[in-house]
Amino acid sequence: MPAQLTTTPASACSPEITSSRIGPPAVAAHAADRDHLLDRLHNLRMIVPVFAQELASARRQAAALRVENRKLRERVQQLQRTYGSSHVRGREQAP
């Protein structure tokens, strides 16, 4: 009996699949992987802006805290100069 030639539909042949000679079951797996990756990309595109906003907010808050800490350190230094370091609670006197 002569061998019959079979053809693959053009829609199932993509350059990546035909170049690596992957059979039709792998086509479905490739499509599922692609769909999964597209879903992940969509989710990341929705999440990343939220993270960016949180990061910007955290940076602003950190900058405000640095300013506040600087002012508090200056106030402590001023009090130490005025009253001496032995009167400031919570700090040991330097030897």
N, C-alpha and C. Protein backbone atom coordinates (compact mmCIF):
# COMPACT_ATOMS: atom_id res chain seq x y z
N MET A 1 0.85 -1.17 0.00
CA MET A 1 0.00 0.00 0.00
C MET A 1 0.89 1.23 0.00
N PRO A 2 0.65 2.21 -0.89
CA PRO A 2 1.50 3.40 -0.95
C PRO A 2 1.23 4.31 0.24
N ALA A 3 2.28 5.01 0.69
CA ALA A 3 2.16 5.93 1.83
C ALA A 3 1.38 7.16 1.41
N GLN A 4 0.49 7.62 2.29
CA GLN A 4 -0.28 8.81 2.00
C GLN A 4 0.40 10.02 2.61
N LEU A 5 0.33 11.09 1.91
CA LEU A 5 0.88 12.34 2.42
C LEU A 5 -0.21 13.05 3.22
N THR A 6 0.16 13.56 4.39
CA THR A 6 -0.80 14.32 5.18
C THR A 6 -0.34 15.76 5.22
N THR A 7 -1.29 16.64 5.29
CA THR A 7 -0.96 18.07 5.36
C THR A 7 -1.46 18.63 6.66
N THR A 8 -0.79 19.65 7.11
CA THR A 8 -1.17 20.35 8.33
C THR A 8 -1.84 21.64 7.92
N PRO A 9 -2.96 22.00 8.57
CA PRO A 9 -3.59 23.28 8.22
C PRO A 9 -2.64 24.44 8.43
N ALA A 10 -2.76 25.44 7.58
CA ALA A 10 -1.87 26.59 7.66
C ALA A 10 -2.00 27.31 8.99
N SER A 11 -3.19 27.30 9.59
CA SER A 11 -3.39 28.00 10.86
C SER A 11 -2.60 27.35 12.00
N ALA A 12 -2.29 26.06 11.86
CA ALA A 12 -1.56 25.38 12.92
C ALA A 12 -0.06 25.54 12.78
N CYS A 13 0.39 26.06 11.65
CA CYS A 13 1.83 26.19 11.40
C CYS A 13 2.28 27.62 11.68
N SER A 14 3.09 27.75 12.68
CA SER A 14 3.72 29.04 12.92
C SER A 14 5.21 28.82 12.74
N PRO A 15 5.98 29.87 12.47
CA PRO A 15 7.42 29.70 12.22
C PRO A 15 8.14 29.01 13.38
N GLU A 16 7.74 29.31 14.63
CA GLU A 16 8.43 28.70 15.76
C GLU A 16 8.17 27.20 15.81
N ILE A 17 6.94 26.83 15.51
CA ILE A 17 6.56 25.42 15.63
C ILE A 17 7.12 24.61 14.47
N THR A 18 6.99 25.09 13.25
CA THR A 18 7.46 24.32 12.11
C THR A 18 8.98 24.25 12.09
N SER A 19 9.64 25.29 12.56
CA SER A 19 11.10 25.25 12.51
C SER A 19 11.67 24.26 13.51
N SER A 20 10.93 23.99 14.60
CA SER A 20 11.43 23.03 15.57
C SER A 20 10.78 21.66 15.38
N ARG A 21 9.91 21.52 14.37
CA ARG A 21 9.27 20.26 14.01
C ARG A 21 8.51 19.65 15.19
N ILE A 22 7.70 20.47 15.81
CA ILE A 22 6.88 20.01 16.91
C ILE A 22 5.54 19.57 16.35
N GLY A 23 5.03 18.47 16.82
CA GLY A 23 3.78 17.93 16.30
C GLY A 23 2.57 18.68 16.83
N PRO A 24 1.39 18.36 16.31
CA PRO A 24 0.14 19.04 16.69
C PRO A 24 -0.17 19.05 18.19
N PRO A 25 0.11 17.98 18.99
CA PRO A 25 -0.16 18.10 20.43
C PRO A 25 0.64 19.23 21.08
N ALA A 26 1.82 19.46 20.58
CA ALA A 26 2.64 20.54 21.13
C ALA A 26 2.09 21.90 20.74
N VAL A 27 1.34 21.95 19.64
CA VAL A 27 0.75 23.21 19.21
C VAL A 27 -0.23 23.70 20.27
N ALA A 28 -1.05 22.78 20.78
CA ALA A 28 -2.02 23.14 21.83
C ALA A 28 -1.29 23.58 23.09
N ALA A 29 -0.23 22.88 23.44
CA ALA A 29 0.55 23.25 24.63
C ALA A 29 1.19 24.61 24.43
N HIS A 30 1.69 24.86 23.22
CA HIS A 30 2.30 26.16 22.92
C HIS A 30 1.25 27.27 23.04
N ALA A 31 0.05 27.02 22.52
CA ALA A 31 -1.02 28.01 22.60
C ALA A 31 -1.43 28.25 24.05
N ALA A 32 -1.49 27.18 24.85
CA ALA A 32 -1.84 27.31 26.26
C ALA A 32 -0.77 28.11 27.00
N ASP A 33 0.50 27.81 26.70
CA ASP A 33 1.60 28.56 27.32
C ASP A 33 1.53 30.03 26.93
N ARG A 34 1.25 30.28 25.63
CA ARG A 34 1.15 31.65 25.16
C ARG A 34 0.01 32.38 25.85
N ASP A 35 -1.14 31.71 25.97
CA ASP A 35 -2.29 32.32 26.64
C ASP A 35 -1.97 32.60 28.11
N HIS A 36 -1.30 31.66 28.74
CA HIS A 36 -0.90 31.84 30.15
C HIS A 36 0.04 33.04 30.29
N LEU A 37 1.00 33.13 29.39
CA LEU A 37 1.94 34.25 29.45
C LEU A 37 1.24 35.58 29.16
N LEU A 38 0.30 35.58 28.25
CA LEU A 38 -0.46 36.80 27.96
C LEU A 38 -1.29 37.22 29.17
N ASP A 39 -1.88 36.24 29.86
CA ASP A 39 -2.64 36.54 31.09
C ASP A 39 -1.72 37.14 32.15
N ARG A 40 -0.55 36.55 32.30
CA ARG A 40 0.42 37.08 33.28
C ARG A 40 0.85 38.48 32.92
N LEU A 41 1.09 38.72 31.65
CA LEU A 41 1.48 40.06 31.19
C LEU A 41 0.37 41.07 31.47
N HIS A 42 -0.86 40.68 31.21
CA HIS A 42 -2.00 41.55 31.49
C HIS A 42 -2.06 41.87 32.99
N ASN A 43 -1.90 40.86 33.82
CA ASN A 43 -1.92 41.08 35.27
C ASN A 43 -0.79 42.01 35.71
N LEU A 44 0.39 41.80 35.17
CA LEU A 44 1.52 42.67 35.53
C LEU A 44 1.26 44.10 35.10
N ARG A 45 0.67 44.27 33.93
CA ARG A 45 0.37 45.63 33.46
C ARG A 45 -0.64 46.33 34.35
N MET A 46 -1.47 45.55 35.04
CA MET A 46 -2.42 46.16 35.96
C MET A 46 -1.79 46.41 37.34
N ILE A 47 -0.87 45.55 37.74
CA ILE A 47 -0.28 45.64 39.08
C ILE A 47 0.86 46.64 39.14
N VAL A 48 1.68 46.70 38.11
CA VAL A 48 2.87 47.56 38.13
C VAL A 48 2.53 49.03 38.40
N PRO A 49 1.51 49.61 37.80
CA PRO A 49 1.20 51.01 38.12
C PRO A 49 0.84 51.21 39.60
N VAL A 50 0.18 50.22 40.19
CA VAL A 50 -0.16 50.32 41.62
C VAL A 50 1.12 50.31 42.44
N PHE A 51 2.06 49.41 42.11
CA PHE A 51 3.34 49.39 42.81
C PHE A 51 4.09 50.70 42.63
N ALA A 52 4.03 51.25 41.44
CA ALA A 52 4.72 52.52 41.17
C ALA A 52 4.14 53.64 42.03
N GLN A 53 2.82 53.66 42.17
CA GLN A 53 2.19 54.68 43.03
C GLN A 53 2.60 54.49 44.48
N GLU A 54 2.61 53.23 44.94
CA GLU A 54 3.02 52.94 46.32
C GLU A 54 4.47 53.35 46.55
N LEU A 55 5.32 53.07 45.57
CA LEU A 55 6.73 53.44 45.69
C LEU A 55 6.89 54.94 45.76
N ALA A 56 6.19 55.66 44.91
CA ALA A 56 6.28 57.13 44.93
C ALA A 56 5.79 57.68 46.26
N SER A 57 4.71 57.11 46.78
CA SER A 57 4.19 57.54 48.07
C SER A 57 5.19 57.25 49.19
N ALA A 58 5.78 56.07 49.16
CA ALA A 58 6.77 55.71 50.18
C ALA A 58 8.00 56.62 50.11
N ARG A 59 8.41 56.98 48.91
CA ARG A 59 9.56 57.88 48.77
C ARG A 59 9.24 59.26 49.33
N ARG A 60 8.02 59.75 49.05
CA ARG A 60 7.63 61.05 49.61
C ARG A 60 7.59 61.00 51.14
N GLN A 61 7.04 59.92 51.66
CA GLN A 61 6.96 59.77 53.11
C GLN A 61 8.36 59.68 53.72
N ALA A 62 9.25 58.94 53.08
CA ALA A 62 10.63 58.82 53.57
C ALA A 62 11.32 60.18 53.56
N ALA A 63 11.10 60.95 52.51
CA ALA A 63 11.71 62.29 52.45
C ALA A 63 11.17 63.17 53.57
N ALA A 64 9.86 63.09 53.83
CA ALA A 64 9.28 63.89 54.91
C ALA A 64 9.83 63.46 56.26
N LEU A 65 10.02 62.16 56.44
CA LEU A 65 10.58 61.67 57.71
C LEU A 65 12.03 62.10 57.87
N ARG A 66 12.79 62.11 56.77
CA ARG A 66 14.18 62.59 56.87
C ARG A 66 14.22 64.04 57.30
N VAL A 67 13.33 64.86 56.75
CA VAL A 67 13.27 66.28 57.13
C VAL A 67 12.91 66.40 58.61
N GLU A 68 11.89 65.63 59.02
CA GLU A 68 11.48 65.68 60.42
C GLU A 68 12.61 65.22 61.35
N ASN A 69 13.30 64.15 60.98
CA ASN A 69 14.41 63.66 61.80
C ASN A 69 15.53 64.69 61.90
N ARG A 70 15.82 65.35 60.78
CA ARG A 70 16.85 66.39 60.80
C ARG A 70 16.46 67.50 61.77
N LYS A 71 15.21 67.93 61.70
CA LYS A 71 14.75 68.99 62.60
C LYS A 71 14.81 68.54 64.06
N LEU A 72 14.43 67.30 64.31
CA LEU A 72 14.48 66.79 65.69
C LEU A 72 15.93 66.69 66.19
N ARG A 73 16.85 66.26 65.34
CA ARG A 73 18.26 66.20 65.74
C ARG A 73 18.78 67.59 66.06
N GLU A 74 18.41 68.56 65.21
CA GLU A 74 18.84 69.94 65.47
C GLU A 74 18.28 70.44 66.79
N ARG A 75 17.02 70.09 67.09
CA ARG A 75 16.40 70.51 68.35
C ARG A 75 17.09 69.86 69.54
N VAL A 76 17.43 68.57 69.41
CA VAL A 76 18.15 67.88 70.49
C VAL A 76 19.51 68.54 70.70
N GLN A 77 20.21 68.83 69.62
CA GLN A 77 21.52 69.50 69.76
C GLN A 77 21.37 70.86 70.43
N GLN A 78 20.33 71.58 70.06
CA GLN A 78 20.08 72.89 70.66
C GLN A 78 19.81 72.72 72.16
N LEU A 79 18.99 71.75 72.54
CA LEU A 79 18.70 71.52 73.96
C LEU A 79 19.95 71.07 74.71
N GLN A 80 20.77 70.26 74.07
CA GLN A 80 22.00 69.82 74.71
C GLN A 80 22.94 71.00 74.95
N ARG A 81 23.02 71.90 73.99
CA ARG A 81 23.87 73.07 74.18
C ARG A 81 23.32 73.97 75.30
N THR A 82 21.98 74.07 75.35
CA THR A 82 21.36 74.96 76.34
C THR A 82 21.43 74.37 77.75
N TYR A 83 21.08 73.10 77.89
CA TYR A 83 20.97 72.51 79.23
C TYR A 83 22.06 71.51 79.55
N GLY A 84 22.86 71.17 78.60
CA GLY A 84 23.89 70.15 78.82
C GLY A 84 23.33 68.78 78.51
N SER A 85 24.18 67.89 78.08
CA SER A 85 23.73 66.57 77.62
C SER A 85 23.25 65.69 78.77
N SER A 86 23.59 65.99 80.03
CA SER A 86 23.17 65.15 81.15
C SER A 86 21.68 65.30 81.44
N HIS A 87 21.04 66.36 80.96
CA HIS A 87 19.63 66.57 81.23
C HIS A 87 18.71 65.98 80.16
N VAL A 88 19.26 65.46 79.08
CA VAL A 88 18.46 64.90 78.01
C VAL A 88 18.24 63.42 78.31
N ARG A 89 16.99 63.01 78.47
CA ARG A 89 16.68 61.63 78.82
C ARG A 89 16.88 60.69 77.63
N GLY A 90 17.15 59.43 77.97
CA GLY A 90 17.23 58.39 76.94
C GLY A 90 18.57 58.34 76.25
N ARG A 91 19.49 59.17 76.59
CA ARG A 91 20.81 59.15 75.95
C ARG A 91 21.86 59.08 77.05
N GLU A 92 22.80 58.21 76.83
CA GLU A 92 23.90 58.12 77.78
C GLU A 92 24.89 59.22 77.49
N GLN A 93 25.50 59.69 78.53
CA GLN A 93 26.48 60.74 78.38
C GLN A 93 27.76 60.13 77.80
N ALA A 94 28.31 60.77 76.79
CA ALA A 94 29.53 60.26 76.17
C ALA A 94 30.70 60.42 77.13
N PRO A 95 31.60 59.44 77.16
CA PRO A 95 32.76 59.53 78.07
C PRO A 95 33.72 60.61 77.70
